[in-house]
Amino acid sequence: VQLQASGGGLVQAGESLGLSCAASGSFYNIRSMAWYRQAPAKQRELVATITAGGSTNYANSVEGRFTISRNNAKNTVYLQMNSLVPEDTAVYYCYANVYEDMWSGRSIWGQGTQVTVSS
């Protein structure tokens, strides 16, 4: 099972950017999905999570500006980022809790995509 992220880039402060991350391979289902980010010299932090049923949770720093969503039929998670600020600059990683049968789940990480916000 692999996660392939796309959509990063360079934007100016106040602009928007969207990320997507698609799972491929053979599996039973995907439960929670999430986006994390890691800025230079900082620890990886949780940005947003979404359950298979669509319940979401956000870090305080992005609440109201970012929106996480998913398309279960396409095994894809999205992150719409609005009103970006330089502090959002980081490598963004997608995450999925993938079940290969009804009982066995494991964590899968995408390769990371760079988001840079200039002031």
C-alpha atoms as a PDB file:
ATOM      1  CA  VAL A   1       0.000   0.000   0.000  1.00  0.00           C
ATOM      2  CA  GLN A   2       1.332   3.433  -0.932  1.00  0.00           C
ATOM      3  CA  LEU A   3       0.250   7.015  -0.432  1.00  0.00           C
ATOM      4  CA  GLN A   4       1.071   9.503  -3.166  1.00  0.00           C
ATOM      5  CA  ALA A   5       0.765  13.178  -2.234  1.00  0.00           C
ATOM      6  CA  SER A   6       0.623  16.061  -4.649  1.00  0.00           C
ATOM      7  CA  GLY A   7      -0.216  19.733  -4.823  1.00  0.00           C
ATOM      8  CA  GLY A   8       2.516  21.504  -2.897  1.00  0.00           C
ATOM      9  CA  GLY A   9       4.220  24.622  -4.121  1.00  0.00           C
ATOM     10  CA  LEU A  10       5.179  28.234  -3.522  1.00  0.00           C
ATOM     11  CA  VAL A  11       2.502  30.821  -2.780  1.00  0.00           C
ATOM     12  CA  GLN A  12       2.302  34.270  -1.262  1.00  0.00           C
ATOM     13  CA  ALA A  13       0.791  35.021   2.104  1.00  0.00           C
ATOM     14  CA  GLY A  14      -2.975  35.214   1.927  1.00  0.00           C
ATOM     15  CA  GLU A  15      -3.253  32.851  -1.010  1.00  0.00           C
ATOM     16  CA  SER A  16      -4.695  29.334  -1.134  1.00  0.00           C
ATOM     17  CA  LEU A  17      -3.317  25.932  -2.003  1.00  0.00           C
ATOM     18  CA  GLY A  18      -4.785  22.457  -2.156  1.00  0.00           C
ATOM     19  CA  LEU A  19      -3.127  19.140  -1.429  1.00  0.00           C
ATOM     20  CA  SER A  20      -4.304  15.664  -2.314  1.00  0.00           C
ATOM     21  CA  CYS A  21      -3.098  12.218  -1.352  1.00  0.00           C
ATOM     22  CA  ALA A  22      -4.238   8.974  -2.952  1.00  0.00           C
ATOM     23  CA  ALA A  23      -3.819   5.473  -1.606  1.00  0.00           C
ATOM     24  CA  SER A  24      -3.020   2.648  -3.966  1.00  0.00           C
ATOM     25  CA  GLY A  25      -2.518  -1.071  -3.567  1.00  0.00           C
ATOM     26  CA  SER A  26      -4.548  -3.871  -2.081  1.00  0.00           C
ATOM     27  CA  PHE A  27      -6.320  -3.358   1.242  1.00  0.00           C
ATOM     28  CA  TYR A  28      -9.606  -3.943   3.012  1.00  0.00           C
ATOM     29  CA  ASN A  29     -10.384  -0.345   3.935  1.00  0.00           C
ATOM     30  CA  ILE A  30      -8.937   2.881   5.247  1.00  0.00           C
ATOM     31  CA  ARG A  31     -10.060   4.205   8.578  1.00  0.00           C
ATOM     32  CA  SER A  32      -8.625   7.527   9.719  1.00  0.00           C
ATOM     33  CA  MET A  33      -6.639   9.746   7.388  1.00  0.00           C
ATOM     34  CA  ALA A  34      -4.688  12.834   8.288  1.00  0.00           C
ATOM     35  CA  TRP A  35      -2.251  15.504   7.295  1.00  0.00           C
ATOM     36  CA  TYR A  36       0.866  16.297   9.290  1.00  0.00           C
ATOM     37  CA  ARG A  37       3.553  18.873   8.662  1.00  0.00           C
ATOM     38  CA  GLN A  38       7.149  19.408   9.626  1.00  0.00           C
ATOM     39  CA  ALA A  39       8.852  22.775   9.460  1.00  0.00           C
ATOM     40  CA  PRO A  40      12.649  23.100   9.443  1.00  0.00           C
ATOM     41  CA  ALA A  41      14.174  22.328  12.846  1.00  0.00           C
ATOM     42  CA  LYS A  42      10.753  21.491  14.282  1.00  0.00           C
ATOM     43  CA  GLN A  43       8.967  18.290  15.169  1.00  0.00           C
ATOM     44  CA  ARG A  44       6.284  16.852  12.950  1.00  0.00           C
ATOM     45  CA  GLU A  45       2.874  18.104  14.040  1.00  0.00           C
ATOM     46  CA  LEU A  46      -0.672  17.064  13.359  1.00  0.00           C
ATOM     47  CA  VAL A  47      -2.579  19.427  11.080  1.00  0.00           C
ATOM     48  CA  ALA A  48      -5.943  17.733  10.590  1.00  0.00           C
ATOM     49  CA  THR A  49      -7.624  14.354  10.799  1.00  0.00           C
ATOM     50  CA  ILE A  50     -10.707  12.824   9.244  1.00  0.00           C
ATOM     51  CA  THR A  51     -12.453   9.561  10.028  1.00  0.00           C
ATOM     52  CA  ALA A  52     -13.998   7.225   7.494  1.00  0.00           C
ATOM     53  CA  GLY A  53     -17.353   8.699   8.429  1.00  0.00           C
ATOM     54  CA  GLY A  54     -16.163  12.244   7.798  1.00  0.00           C
ATOM     55  CA  SER A  55     -15.615  13.562  11.315  1.00  0.00           C
ATOM     56  CA  THR A  56     -12.797  16.082  11.355  1.00  0.00           C
ATOM     57  CA  ASN A  57     -10.379  17.604  13.834  1.00  0.00           C
ATOM     58  CA  TYR A  58      -7.912  20.458  13.362  1.00  0.00           C
ATOM     59  CA  ALA A  59      -4.889  21.933  15.029  1.00  0.00           C
ATOM     60  CA  ASN A  60      -5.670  25.282  16.638  1.00  0.00           C
ATOM     61  CA  SER A  61      -3.215  27.013  14.322  1.00  0.00           C
ATOM     62  CA  VAL A  62      -5.158  26.046  11.179  1.00  0.00           C
ATOM     63  CA  GLU A  63      -8.742  25.952  12.479  1.00  0.00           C
ATOM     64  CA  GLY A  64     -10.965  28.059  10.245  1.00  0.00           C
ATOM     65  CA  ARG A  65      -8.375  28.306   7.458  1.00  0.00           C
ATOM     66  CA  PHE A  66      -7.779  24.681   6.444  1.00  0.00           C
ATOM     67  CA  THR A  67     -10.339  22.072   5.434  1.00  0.00           C
ATOM     68  CA  ILE A  68      -9.689  18.342   5.307  1.00  0.00           C
ATOM     69  CA  SER A  69     -11.943  16.109   3.252  1.00  0.00           C
ATOM     70  CA  ARG A  70     -11.854  12.673   1.691  1.00  0.00           C
ATOM     71  CA  ASN A  71     -13.338  10.664  -1.120  1.00  0.00           C
ATOM     72  CA  ASN A  72     -13.663   7.087   0.092  1.00  0.00           C
ATOM     73  CA  ALA A  73     -14.453   5.770  -3.380  1.00  0.00           C
ATOM     74  CA  LYS A  74     -11.134   7.174  -4.617  1.00  0.00           C
ATOM     75  CA  ASN A  75      -9.207   6.420  -1.406  1.00  0.00           C
ATOM     76  CA  THR A  76      -8.073  10.020  -1.441  1.00  0.00           C
ATOM     77  CA  VAL A  77      -7.698  12.673   1.235  1.00  0.00           C
ATOM     78  CA  TYR A  78      -7.543  16.387   0.519  1.00  0.00           C
ATOM     79  CA  LEU A  79      -6.368  19.470   2.371  1.00  0.00           C
ATOM     80  CA  GLN A  80      -7.621  22.862   1.243  1.00  0.00           C
ATOM     81  CA  MET A  81      -5.462  25.596   2.745  1.00  0.00           C
ATOM     82  CA  ASN A  82      -6.736  29.184   2.679  1.00  0.00           C
ATOM     83  CA  SER A  83      -5.319  32.429   4.045  1.00  0.00           C
ATOM     84  CA  LEU A  84      -1.863  30.926   4.157  1.00  0.00           C
ATOM     85  CA  VAL A  85       0.784  32.562   6.333  1.00  0.00           C
ATOM     86  CA  PRO A  86       4.564  32.110   6.314  1.00  0.00           C
ATOM     87  CA  GLU A  87       4.284  29.981   9.458  1.00  0.00           C
ATOM     88  CA  ASP A  88       2.474  27.350   7.354  1.00  0.00           C
ATOM     89  CA  THR A  89       5.701  26.705   5.462  1.00  0.00           C
ATOM     90  CA  ALA A  90       6.608  23.054   5.942  1.00  0.00           C
ATOM     91  CA  VAL A  91       6.756  19.654   4.344  1.00  0.00           C
ATOM     92  CA  TYR A  92       3.257  18.220   4.489  1.00  0.00           C
ATOM     93  CA  TYR A  93       2.784  14.488   4.946  1.00  0.00           C
ATOM     94  CA  CYS A  94      -0.384  12.501   4.480  1.00  0.00           C
ATOM     95  CA  TYR A  95      -1.183   9.590   6.740  1.00  0.00           C
ATOM     96  CA  ALA A  96      -3.618   6.703   6.570  1.00  0.00           C
ATOM     97  CA  ASN A  97      -4.615   3.969   8.965  1.00  0.00           C
ATOM     98  CA  VAL A  98      -4.975   1.128   6.474  1.00  0.00           C
ATOM     99  CA  TYR A  99      -6.643  -2.196   7.218  1.00  0.00           C
ATOM    100  CA  GLU A 100      -5.554  -5.092   5.049  1.00  0.00           C
ATOM    101  CA  ASP A 101      -8.265  -7.285   6.580  1.00  0.00           C
ATOM    102  CA  MET A 102     -10.968  -6.749   9.212  1.00  0.00           C
ATOM    103  CA  TRP A 103      -8.529  -6.990  12.098  1.00  0.00           C
ATOM    104  CA  SER A 104      -5.064  -5.799  11.087  1.00  0.00           C
ATOM    105  CA  GLY A 105      -4.347  -2.119  10.650  1.00  0.00           C
ATOM    106  CA  ARG A 106      -1.091  -0.289  10.065  1.00  0.00           C
ATOM    107  CA  SER A 107       0.103   3.236   9.578  1.00  0.00           C
ATOM    108  CA  ILE A 108       1.076   4.356   6.109  1.00  0.00           C
ATOM    109  CA  TRP A 109       2.834   7.653   5.334  1.00  0.00           C
ATOM    110  CA  GLY A 110       3.071   9.569   2.102  1.00  0.00           C
ATOM    111  CA  GLN A 111       6.360  10.911   0.785  1.00  0.00           C
ATOM    112  CA  GLY A 112       5.784  14.534   1.765  1.00  0.00           C
ATOM    113  CA  THR A 113       5.157  17.604  -0.340  1.00  0.00           C
ATOM    114  CA  GLN A 114       6.729  21.025   0.219  1.00  0.00           C
ATOM    115  CA  VAL A 115       4.537  24.044   0.901  1.00  0.00           C
ATOM    116  CA  THR A 116       6.289  27.405   1.006  1.00  0.00           C
ATOM    117  CA  VAL A 117       4.490  30.625   1.867  1.00  0.00           C
ATOM    118  CA  SER A 118       6.331  33.853   1.183  1.00  0.00           C
ATOM    119  CA  SER A 119       5.578  37.088   3.020  1.00  0.00           C
END
